[in-house]
C-alpha atoms as a PDB file:
ATOM      1  CA  UNK A   1      -6.740 -10.051 -15.924  1.00  0.00           C
ATOM      2  CA  UNK A   2      -8.406  -7.866 -13.354  1.00  0.00           C
ATOM      3  CA  UNK A   3      -9.143  -4.234 -14.374  1.00  0.00           C
ATOM      4  CA  UNK A   4      -8.723  -1.692 -11.579  1.00  0.00           C
ATOM      5  CA  UNK A   5     -10.499   1.623 -11.275  1.00  0.00           C
ATOM      6  CA  UNK A   6      -8.185   4.077  -9.490  1.00  0.00           C
ATOM      7  CA  UNK A   7      -9.658   7.536  -8.550  1.00  0.00           C
ATOM      8  CA  UNK A   8      -7.961  10.546  -9.849  1.00  0.00           C
ATOM      9  CA  UNK A   9      -8.093  13.879  -8.215  1.00  0.00           C
ATOM     10  CA  UNK A  10      -6.280  16.848  -9.554  1.00  0.00           C
ATOM     11  CA  UNK A  11      -5.846  18.775  -6.292  1.00  0.00           C
ATOM     12  CA  UNK A  12      -3.833  16.433  -3.939  1.00  0.00           C
ATOM     13  CA  UNK A  13      -0.653  17.007  -2.186  1.00  0.00           C
ATOM     14  CA  UNK A  14       2.166  15.069  -0.445  1.00  0.00           C
ATOM     15  CA  UNK A  15       1.347  14.689   3.267  1.00  0.00           C
ATOM     16  CA  UNK A  16       3.505  14.950   6.335  1.00  0.00           C
ATOM     17  CA  UNK A  17       4.150  11.712   8.087  1.00  0.00           C
ATOM     18  CA  UNK A  18       1.698  12.138  10.926  1.00  0.00           C
ATOM     19  CA  UNK A  19      -1.021  12.858   8.353  1.00  0.00           C
ATOM     20  CA  UNK A  20      -0.329   9.404   6.791  1.00  0.00           C
ATOM     21  CA  UNK A  21      -0.397   7.722  10.105  1.00  0.00           C
ATOM     22  CA  UNK A  22      -3.685   9.504  10.939  1.00  0.00           C
ATOM     23  CA  UNK A  23      -5.263   8.678   7.638  1.00  0.00           C
ATOM     24  CA  UNK A  24      -4.282   4.883   7.991  1.00  0.00           C
ATOM     25  CA  UNK A  25      -5.577   4.718  11.524  1.00  0.00           C
ATOM     26  CA  UNK A  26      -8.993   6.193  10.366  1.00  0.00           C
ATOM     27  CA  UNK A  27      -9.213   4.220   7.097  1.00  0.00           C
ATOM     28  CA  UNK A  28     -11.123   0.883   7.538  1.00  0.00           C
ATOM     29  CA  UNK A  29      -9.936  -0.847   4.380  1.00  0.00           C
ATOM     30  CA  UNK A  30      -7.895  -3.257   6.510  1.00  0.00           C
ATOM     31  CA  UNK A  31     -11.060  -4.538   8.079  1.00  0.00           C
ATOM     32  CA  UNK A  32     -12.192  -5.887   4.702  1.00  0.00           C
ATOM     33  CA  UNK A  33     -12.222  -9.665   4.245  1.00  0.00           C
ATOM     34  CA  UNK A  34      -9.588 -11.183   1.975  1.00  0.00           C
ATOM     35  CA  UNK A  35     -11.374 -13.383  -0.530  1.00  0.00           C
ATOM     36  CA  UNK A  36      -9.201 -15.453  -2.799  1.00  0.00           C
ATOM     37  CA  UNK A  37      -9.502 -14.458  -6.518  1.00  0.00           C
ATOM     38  CA  UNK A  38     -12.132 -11.879  -5.612  1.00  0.00           C
ATOM     39  CA  UNK A  39     -10.764  -9.220  -3.070  1.00  0.00           C
ATOM     40  CA  UNK A  40      -7.070  -9.671  -2.837  1.00  0.00           C
ATOM     41  CA  UNK A  41      -3.944  -7.612  -2.134  1.00  0.00           C
ATOM     42  CA  UNK A  42      -4.452  -5.369  -5.159  1.00  0.00           C
ATOM     43  CA  UNK A  43      -8.000  -4.597  -4.153  1.00  0.00           C
ATOM     44  CA  UNK A  44      -6.884  -3.551  -0.655  1.00  0.00           C
ATOM     45  CA  UNK A  45      -4.165  -1.220  -2.104  1.00  0.00           C
ATOM     46  CA  UNK A  46      -6.569   0.192  -4.675  1.00  0.00           C
ATOM     47  CA  UNK A  47      -9.128   1.070  -1.982  1.00  0.00           C
ATOM     48  CA  UNK A  48      -6.600   2.733   0.241  1.00  0.00           C
ATOM     49  CA  UNK A  49      -5.284   4.586  -2.650  1.00  0.00           C
ATOM     50  CA  UNK A  50      -8.622   5.781  -3.711  1.00  0.00           C
ATOM     51  CA  UNK A  51      -9.679   6.745  -0.055  1.00  0.00           C
ATOM     52  CA  UNK A  52      -6.502   8.815   0.380  1.00  0.00           C
ATOM     53  CA  UNK A  53      -6.919  10.684  -2.846  1.00  0.00           C
ATOM     54  CA  UNK A  54     -10.519  11.450  -1.946  1.00  0.00           C
ATOM     55  CA  UNK A  55      -9.083  13.265   1.027  1.00  0.00           C
ATOM     56  CA  UNK A  56      -6.578  15.076  -1.118  1.00  0.00           C
ATOM     57  CA  UNK A  57      -3.607  12.955  -0.152  1.00  0.00           C
ATOM     58  CA  UNK A  58      -1.257  11.927  -2.941  1.00  0.00           C
ATOM     59  CA  UNK A  59      -0.496   8.287  -2.950  1.00  0.00           C
ATOM     60  CA  UNK A  60       0.694   5.532  -5.231  1.00  0.00           C
ATOM     61  CA  UNK A  61      -0.232   1.949  -5.716  1.00  0.00           C
ATOM     62  CA  UNK A  62       2.902   0.003  -5.718  1.00  0.00           C
ATOM     63  CA  UNK A  63       3.401  -3.625  -7.034  1.00  0.00           C
ATOM     64  CA  UNK A  64       6.343  -5.410  -5.644  1.00  0.00           C
ATOM     65  CA  UNK A  65       7.601  -8.635  -7.316  1.00  0.00           C
ATOM     66  CA  UNK A  66       9.367 -11.548  -5.581  1.00  0.00           C
ATOM     67  CA  UNK A  67      10.482 -14.958  -6.764  1.00  0.00           C
ATOM     68  CA  UNK A  68       7.040 -16.698  -6.558  1.00  0.00           C
ATOM     69  CA  UNK A  69       4.649 -13.901  -7.155  1.00  0.00           C
ATOM     70  CA  UNK A  70       3.783 -10.177  -6.470  1.00  0.00           C
ATOM     71  CA  UNK A  71       2.131  -8.139  -3.845  1.00  0.00           C
ATOM     72  CA  UNK A  72       0.481  -4.711  -3.777  1.00  0.00           C
ATOM     73  CA  UNK A  73       1.382  -1.947  -1.337  1.00  0.00           C
ATOM     74  CA  UNK A  74       0.621   1.752  -1.063  1.00  0.00           C
ATOM     75  CA  UNK A  75       3.252   4.522  -1.075  1.00  0.00           C
ATOM     76  CA  UNK A  76       3.176   8.055   0.316  1.00  0.00           C
ATOM     77  CA  UNK A  77       5.876  10.599  -0.437  1.00  0.00           C
ATOM     78  CA  UNK A  78       5.953  12.546   2.930  1.00  0.00           C
ATOM     79  CA  UNK A  79       7.000  16.108   3.185  1.00  0.00           C
ATOM     80  CA  UNK A  80       8.978  15.604   6.346  1.00  0.00           C
ATOM     81  CA  UNK A  81      10.313  12.157   5.821  1.00  0.00           C
ATOM     82  CA  UNK A  82      11.065   9.838   3.038  1.00  0.00           C
ATOM     83  CA  UNK A  83       8.950   7.718   0.744  1.00  0.00           C
ATOM     84  CA  UNK A  84       7.099   5.274   3.040  1.00  0.00           C
ATOM     85  CA  UNK A  85       5.260   1.990   2.127  1.00  0.00           C
ATOM     86  CA  UNK A  86       2.088   0.842   3.948  1.00  0.00           C
ATOM     87  CA  UNK A  87       0.843  -2.771   3.927  1.00  0.00           C
ATOM     88  CA  UNK A  88      -2.856  -1.985   3.360  1.00  0.00           C
ATOM     89  CA  UNK A  89      -4.164  -5.391   4.677  1.00  0.00           C
ATOM     90  CA  UNK A  90      -2.481  -4.858   7.995  1.00  0.00           C
ATOM     91  CA  UNK A  91      -2.135  -0.833   8.162  1.00  0.00           C
ATOM     92  CA  UNK A  92       1.543  -1.374   8.993  1.00  0.00           C
ATOM     93  CA  UNK A  93       4.496   0.726   7.556  1.00  0.00           C
ATOM     94  CA  UNK A  94       6.908  -1.642   5.844  1.00  0.00           C
ATOM     95  CA  UNK A  95      10.410  -1.162   4.532  1.00  0.00           C
ATOM     96  CA  UNK A  96      10.819  -2.189   0.729  1.00  0.00           C
ATOM     97  CA  UNK A  97      14.282  -2.920  -0.208  1.00  0.00           C
ATOM     98  CA  UNK A  98      15.751  -5.657  -2.257  1.00  0.00           C
ATOM     99  CA  UNK A  99      16.511  -8.598  -0.042  1.00  0.00           C
ATOM    100  CA  UNK A 100      14.394  -7.404   2.919  1.00  0.00           C
ATOM    101  CA  UNK A 101      11.926 -10.095   4.090  1.00  0.00           C
ATOM    102  CA  UNK A 102       9.267  -7.887   5.595  1.00  0.00           C
ATOM    103  CA  UNK A 103       6.744 -10.751   5.374  1.00  0.00           C
ATOM    104  CA  UNK A 104       8.557 -12.472   8.250  1.00  0.00           C
ATOM    105  CA  UNK A 105       7.883  -9.520  10.570  1.00  0.00           C
ATOM    106  CA  UNK A 106       4.250  -9.656   9.705  1.00  0.00           C
ATOM    107  CA  UNK A 107       3.894 -13.356  10.098  1.00  0.00           C
ATOM    108  CA  UNK A 108       3.070 -13.897   6.527  1.00  0.00           C
ATOM    109  CA  UNK A 109       4.847 -15.685   3.741  1.00  0.00           C
ATOM    110  CA  UNK A 110       8.571 -16.061   3.661  1.00  0.00           C
ATOM    111  CA  UNK A 111       9.421 -14.250   0.378  1.00  0.00           C
ATOM    112  CA  UNK A 112      12.309 -11.888  -0.510  1.00  0.00           C
ATOM    113  CA  UNK A 113      10.945  -8.668  -2.028  1.00  0.00           C
ATOM    114  CA  UNK A 114      12.260  -7.486  -5.358  1.00  0.00           C
ATOM    115  CA  UNK A 115      11.340  -4.360  -6.941  1.00  0.00           C
ATOM    116  CA  UNK A 116      11.361  -4.190 -10.793  1.00  0.00           C
ATOM    117  CA  UNK A 117      11.641  -0.738 -12.191  1.00  0.00           C
END
């Protein structure tokens, strides 16, 4: 089992949508190399989460489960829009709903997402 170290900052706030887009554009985590069993989706999400919180932006690391595994994303509760999810390996906003296959639009695996609460 991998142990994650998430940064914790007491003074952070929910961003506006454009602030998230600007942060994601500047954050270079997506340029890191995926290394099987060493630096994987959860590591990308952890690093984006920590980088955002270092800048005072409230964020959440989210694990989504599907039939054959799981995947890590980052979520931001924006002030002027809804809760948005970012794919940290590709810097793309994704829609997370039961039955949505966002993997297809990103040319990744064909999996149906299922959120377990």
